[in-house]
Amino acid sequence: MTPRLVLRPPRTGDVGEIRRLLRTNNEHLRPWNPAPPPGEDPSSITEVSKTVLRQRREWKRGSGYVFMVASREKMNTFIGKIALNGVMRGAMYGAYLGYWMDGNVLGQGLATEGIRAVLDFAFGPAGLHRIQAAIMPHNARSLRVIEKLGFRREGYAERYLQIAGRWEDHVLFARTREEHALPAVLETLPDDV
């Protein structure tokens, strides 16, 4: 929990709410997301259910950590998602950060607040050492968020990821545990949330 947010892994009972969030934000997210395969609807009940089950398996294995984001006032209404994807152990102990917020809550500092809490988790309980992020150069909002959080620019990757059906350039960022001051105590969710 943060002063304004609740962040938690998705549950199977969240499928309808996640579907609502995806459908409500379809146009808002289209320029920033990979295009789905032809004929596939990532917001269908079937696809959302499969995604939630995969995310829960990854969480249990420690290979990925997805956090659904809600406000503290409406804990069962999601307003975004923050994920640590592709967790690597061994020599690196790192992950890739991905995030998005509902188009209706942009500009309130909620992404920054939520990501800060996820970084506390990453460098604390998850035991990671390095978090990386890749952002398209024309995504000014996301660039501001990541820079506010103290990520350092590490490079520029041409045609790095296929987004919305096009190969897009990305600015590469990273932050390590040494650059992140862990809080004295992480506030956790009560059992009934």
Protein backbone atom coordinates (compact mmCIF):
# COMPACT_ATOMS: atom_id res chain seq x y z
CA MET A 1 0.00 0.00 0.00
CA THR A 2 1.05 3.57 -0.65
CA PRO A 3 -0.59 6.77 0.61
CA ARG A 4 -3.11 6.66 -2.28
CA LEU A 5 -2.83 3.20 -3.84
CA VAL A 6 -3.25 -0.52 -3.30
CA LEU A 7 -1.06 -2.78 -5.43
CA ARG A 8 -1.60 -6.53 -5.51
CA PRO A 9 -1.25 -9.57 -7.75
CA PRO A 10 -4.26 -10.38 -9.94
CA ARG A 11 -6.65 -13.06 -8.72
CA THR A 12 -8.91 -15.31 -10.76
CA GLY A 13 -11.90 -13.40 -9.36
CA ASP A 14 -10.49 -10.19 -10.93
CA VAL A 15 -11.03 -11.29 -14.55
CA GLY A 16 -14.18 -9.19 -15.03
CA GLU A 17 -12.61 -6.07 -13.53
CA ILE A 18 -9.41 -6.47 -15.56
CA ARG A 19 -11.51 -6.95 -18.69
CA ARG A 20 -13.44 -3.76 -17.91
CA LEU A 21 -10.19 -1.82 -17.44
CA LEU A 22 -8.71 -3.13 -20.70
CA ARG A 23 -11.86 -2.40 -22.71
CA THR A 24 -12.28 1.08 -21.23
CA ASN A 25 -8.66 1.89 -22.11
CA ASN A 26 -8.45 0.15 -25.48
CA GLU A 27 -7.92 3.33 -27.52
CA HIS A 28 -5.69 4.92 -24.87
CA LEU A 29 -3.36 1.87 -24.82
CA ARG A 30 -3.36 1.03 -28.55
CA PRO A 31 -0.31 3.22 -29.47
CA TRP A 32 1.78 1.75 -26.62
CA ASN A 33 0.99 -1.99 -26.80
CA PRO A 34 1.98 -4.79 -29.14
CA ALA A 35 -0.75 -5.51 -31.70
CA PRO A 36 -2.59 -8.76 -30.88
CA PRO A 37 -2.44 -11.64 -33.37
CA PRO A 38 -5.16 -11.46 -36.05
CA GLY A 39 -8.53 -12.58 -34.68
CA GLU A 40 -7.40 -12.48 -31.03
CA ASP A 41 -9.02 -10.13 -28.52
CA PRO A 42 -6.74 -9.67 -25.47
CA SER A 43 -9.72 -8.31 -23.51
CA SER A 44 -11.94 -11.36 -24.06
CA ILE A 45 -12.92 -13.35 -20.97
CA THR A 46 -10.89 -16.31 -22.26
CA GLU A 47 -7.70 -14.32 -22.92
CA VAL A 48 -7.90 -12.33 -19.67
CA SER A 49 -8.45 -15.59 -17.74
CA LYS A 50 -5.43 -17.23 -19.41
CA THR A 51 -3.31 -14.15 -18.74
CA VAL A 52 -4.24 -14.03 -15.05
CA LEU A 53 -3.46 -17.74 -14.62
CA ARG A 54 -0.07 -17.28 -16.35
CA GLN A 55 0.73 -14.25 -14.18
CA ARG A 56 -0.14 -16.19 -11.01
CA ARG A 57 2.16 -19.07 -12.09
CA GLU A 58 4.98 -16.61 -12.81
CA TRP A 59 4.52 -14.97 -9.41
CA LYS A 60 4.76 -18.37 -7.64
CA ARG A 61 7.90 -19.28 -9.63
CA GLY A 62 9.44 -15.84 -9.10
CA SER A 63 9.76 -15.31 -12.86
CA GLY A 64 7.42 -12.30 -13.06
CA TYR A 65 5.47 -10.03 -10.74
CA VAL A 66 2.32 -8.26 -11.97
CA PHE A 67 0.62 -5.74 -9.70
CA MET A 68 -2.89 -4.51 -10.39
CA VAL A 69 -3.31 -0.94 -9.13
CA ALA A 70 -6.37 0.47 -7.35
CA SER A 71 -7.01 3.56 -5.27
CA ARG A 72 -7.29 3.08 -1.53
CA GLU A 73 -10.85 4.47 -1.70
CA LYS A 74 -11.99 1.89 -4.29
CA MET A 75 -9.82 -1.17 -3.71
CA ASN A 76 -11.78 -3.40 -6.11
CA THR A 77 -11.70 -0.96 -9.07
CA PHE A 78 -8.41 -1.13 -10.96
CA ILE A 79 -6.79 1.96 -12.43
CA GLY A 80 -3.61 0.46 -13.85
CA LYS A 81 -1.00 -2.24 -13.95
CA ILE A 82 2.70 -2.32 -13.06
CA ALA A 83 4.79 -5.37 -13.90
CA LEU A 84 8.26 -6.76 -13.39
CA ASN A 85 8.60 -9.02 -16.44
CA GLY A 86 11.25 -11.47 -17.54
CA VAL A 87 12.82 -11.86 -14.11
CA MET A 88 16.36 -13.18 -14.47
CA ARG A 89 18.27 -14.88 -11.69
CA GLY A 90 21.88 -16.04 -11.74
CA ALA A 91 24.48 -13.41 -12.57
CA MET A 92 22.01 -10.57 -13.29
CA TYR A 93 19.12 -10.70 -10.79
CA GLY A 94 17.08 -8.27 -12.82
CA ALA A 95 13.74 -7.63 -14.52
CA TYR A 96 12.03 -5.40 -17.05
CA LEU A 97 9.59 -2.78 -15.78
CA GLY A 98 6.33 -2.23 -17.64
CA TYR A 99 3.38 -0.07 -16.59
CA TRP A 100 0.28 1.78 -17.66
CA MET A 101 -2.50 3.72 -16.00
CA ASP A 102 -6.15 4.32 -16.87
CA GLY A 103 -6.44 7.28 -19.23
CA ASN A 104 -8.76 9.01 -16.74
CA VAL A 105 -6.15 9.23 -13.96
CA LEU A 106 -3.12 10.50 -15.88
CA GLY A 107 -1.22 13.52 -14.57
CA GLN A 108 -1.88 12.81 -10.87
CA GLY A 109 1.48 11.21 -10.03
CA LEU A 110 -0.15 7.81 -9.47
CA ALA A 111 2.18 5.92 -11.83
CA THR A 112 5.22 7.40 -10.07
CA GLU A 113 3.80 6.50 -6.64
CA GLY A 114 2.93 2.96 -7.70
CA ILE A 115 6.23 2.27 -9.44
CA ARG A 116 8.15 3.53 -6.40
CA ALA A 117 6.34 0.88 -4.30
CA VAL A 118 7.07 -1.83 -6.89
CA LEU A 119 10.75 -0.84 -6.84
CA ASP A 120 10.71 -1.20 -3.04
CA PHE A 121 9.37 -4.73 -3.58
CA ALA A 122 11.86 -5.49 -6.38
CA PHE A 123 14.92 -4.42 -4.42
CA GLY A 124 13.54 -5.74 -1.12
CA PRO A 125 11.47 -8.96 -0.89
CA ALA A 126 12.04 -10.00 -4.55
CA GLY A 127 15.80 -9.74 -4.05
CA LEU A 128 16.50 -8.18 -7.45
CA HIS A 129 19.55 -6.08 -8.24
CA ARG A 130 18.69 -4.34 -11.55
CA ILE A 131 15.45 -3.05 -13.06
CA GLN A 132 15.40 -2.01 -16.70
CA ALA A 133 12.84 -0.02 -18.69
CA ALA A 134 12.48 0.68 -22.40
CA ILE A 135 10.37 3.66 -23.48
CA MET A 136 9.51 5.02 -26.92
CA PRO A 137 11.10 8.47 -27.38
CA HIS A 138 7.73 10.10 -28.18
CA ASN A 139 6.10 8.82 -24.95
CA ALA A 140 6.77 12.04 -23.02
CA ARG A 141 4.61 11.12 -20.00
CA SER A 142 6.38 7.82 -19.46
CA LEU A 143 9.80 9.39 -19.92
CA ARG A 144 8.98 11.95 -17.21
CA VAL A 145 7.82 9.22 -14.81
CA ILE A 146 10.94 7.11 -15.21
CA GLU A 147 13.27 10.10 -14.91
CA LYS A 148 11.47 11.31 -11.75
CA LEU A 149 12.14 7.88 -10.26
CA GLY A 150 15.89 8.28 -10.79
CA PHE A 151 16.41 5.79 -13.59
CA ARG A 152 19.50 6.52 -15.65
CA ARG A 153 19.54 6.58 -19.44
CA GLU A 154 21.74 3.82 -20.75
CA GLY A 155 21.20 3.93 -24.47
CA TYR A 156 19.02 4.09 -27.52
CA ALA A 157 17.81 0.95 -29.28
CA GLU A 158 16.59 1.29 -32.84
CA ARG A 159 13.61 -0.86 -33.88
CA TYR A 160 13.71 -2.46 -30.42
CA LEU A 161 10.12 -3.70 -29.95
CA GLN A 162 7.14 -4.22 -32.21
CA ILE A 163 4.44 -1.91 -30.87
CA ALA A 164 1.04 -1.37 -32.50
CA GLY A 165 2.28 -3.28 -35.56
CA ARG A 166 5.48 -1.22 -36.10
CA TRP A 167 9.09 -1.67 -35.02
CA GLU A 168 9.66 1.21 -32.60
CA ASP A 169 12.86 2.77 -31.28
CA HIS A 170 13.22 2.86 -27.48
CA VAL A 171 15.27 4.77 -24.94
CA LEU A 172 16.80 2.31 -22.45
CA PHE A 173 16.90 3.03 -18.73
CA ALA A 174 18.07 1.15 -15.63
CA ARG A 175 18.27 1.44 -11.87
CA THR A 176 20.15 -0.80 -9.46
CA ARG A 177 19.69 -1.65 -5.82
CA GLU A 178 22.65 0.60 -4.90
CA GLU A 179 20.73 3.57 -6.33
CA HIS A 180 17.55 2.79 -4.42
CA ALA A 181 17.06 3.59 -0.75
CA LEU A 182 14.79 0.89 0.69
CA PRO A 183 12.10 2.01 3.14
CA ALA A 184 12.50 0.97 6.75
CA VAL A 185 9.22 -1.00 6.62
CA LEU A 186 7.10 -1.97 3.63
CA GLU A 187 3.39 -1.49 4.39
CA THR A 188 1.55 -4.65 3.42
CA LEU A 189 -2.05 -5.32 2.60
CA PRO A 190 -4.42 -6.59 5.27
CA ASP A 191 -5.52 -10.19 4.69
CA ASP A 192 -9.07 -9.19 3.74
CA VAL A 193 -8.07 -7.06 0.70
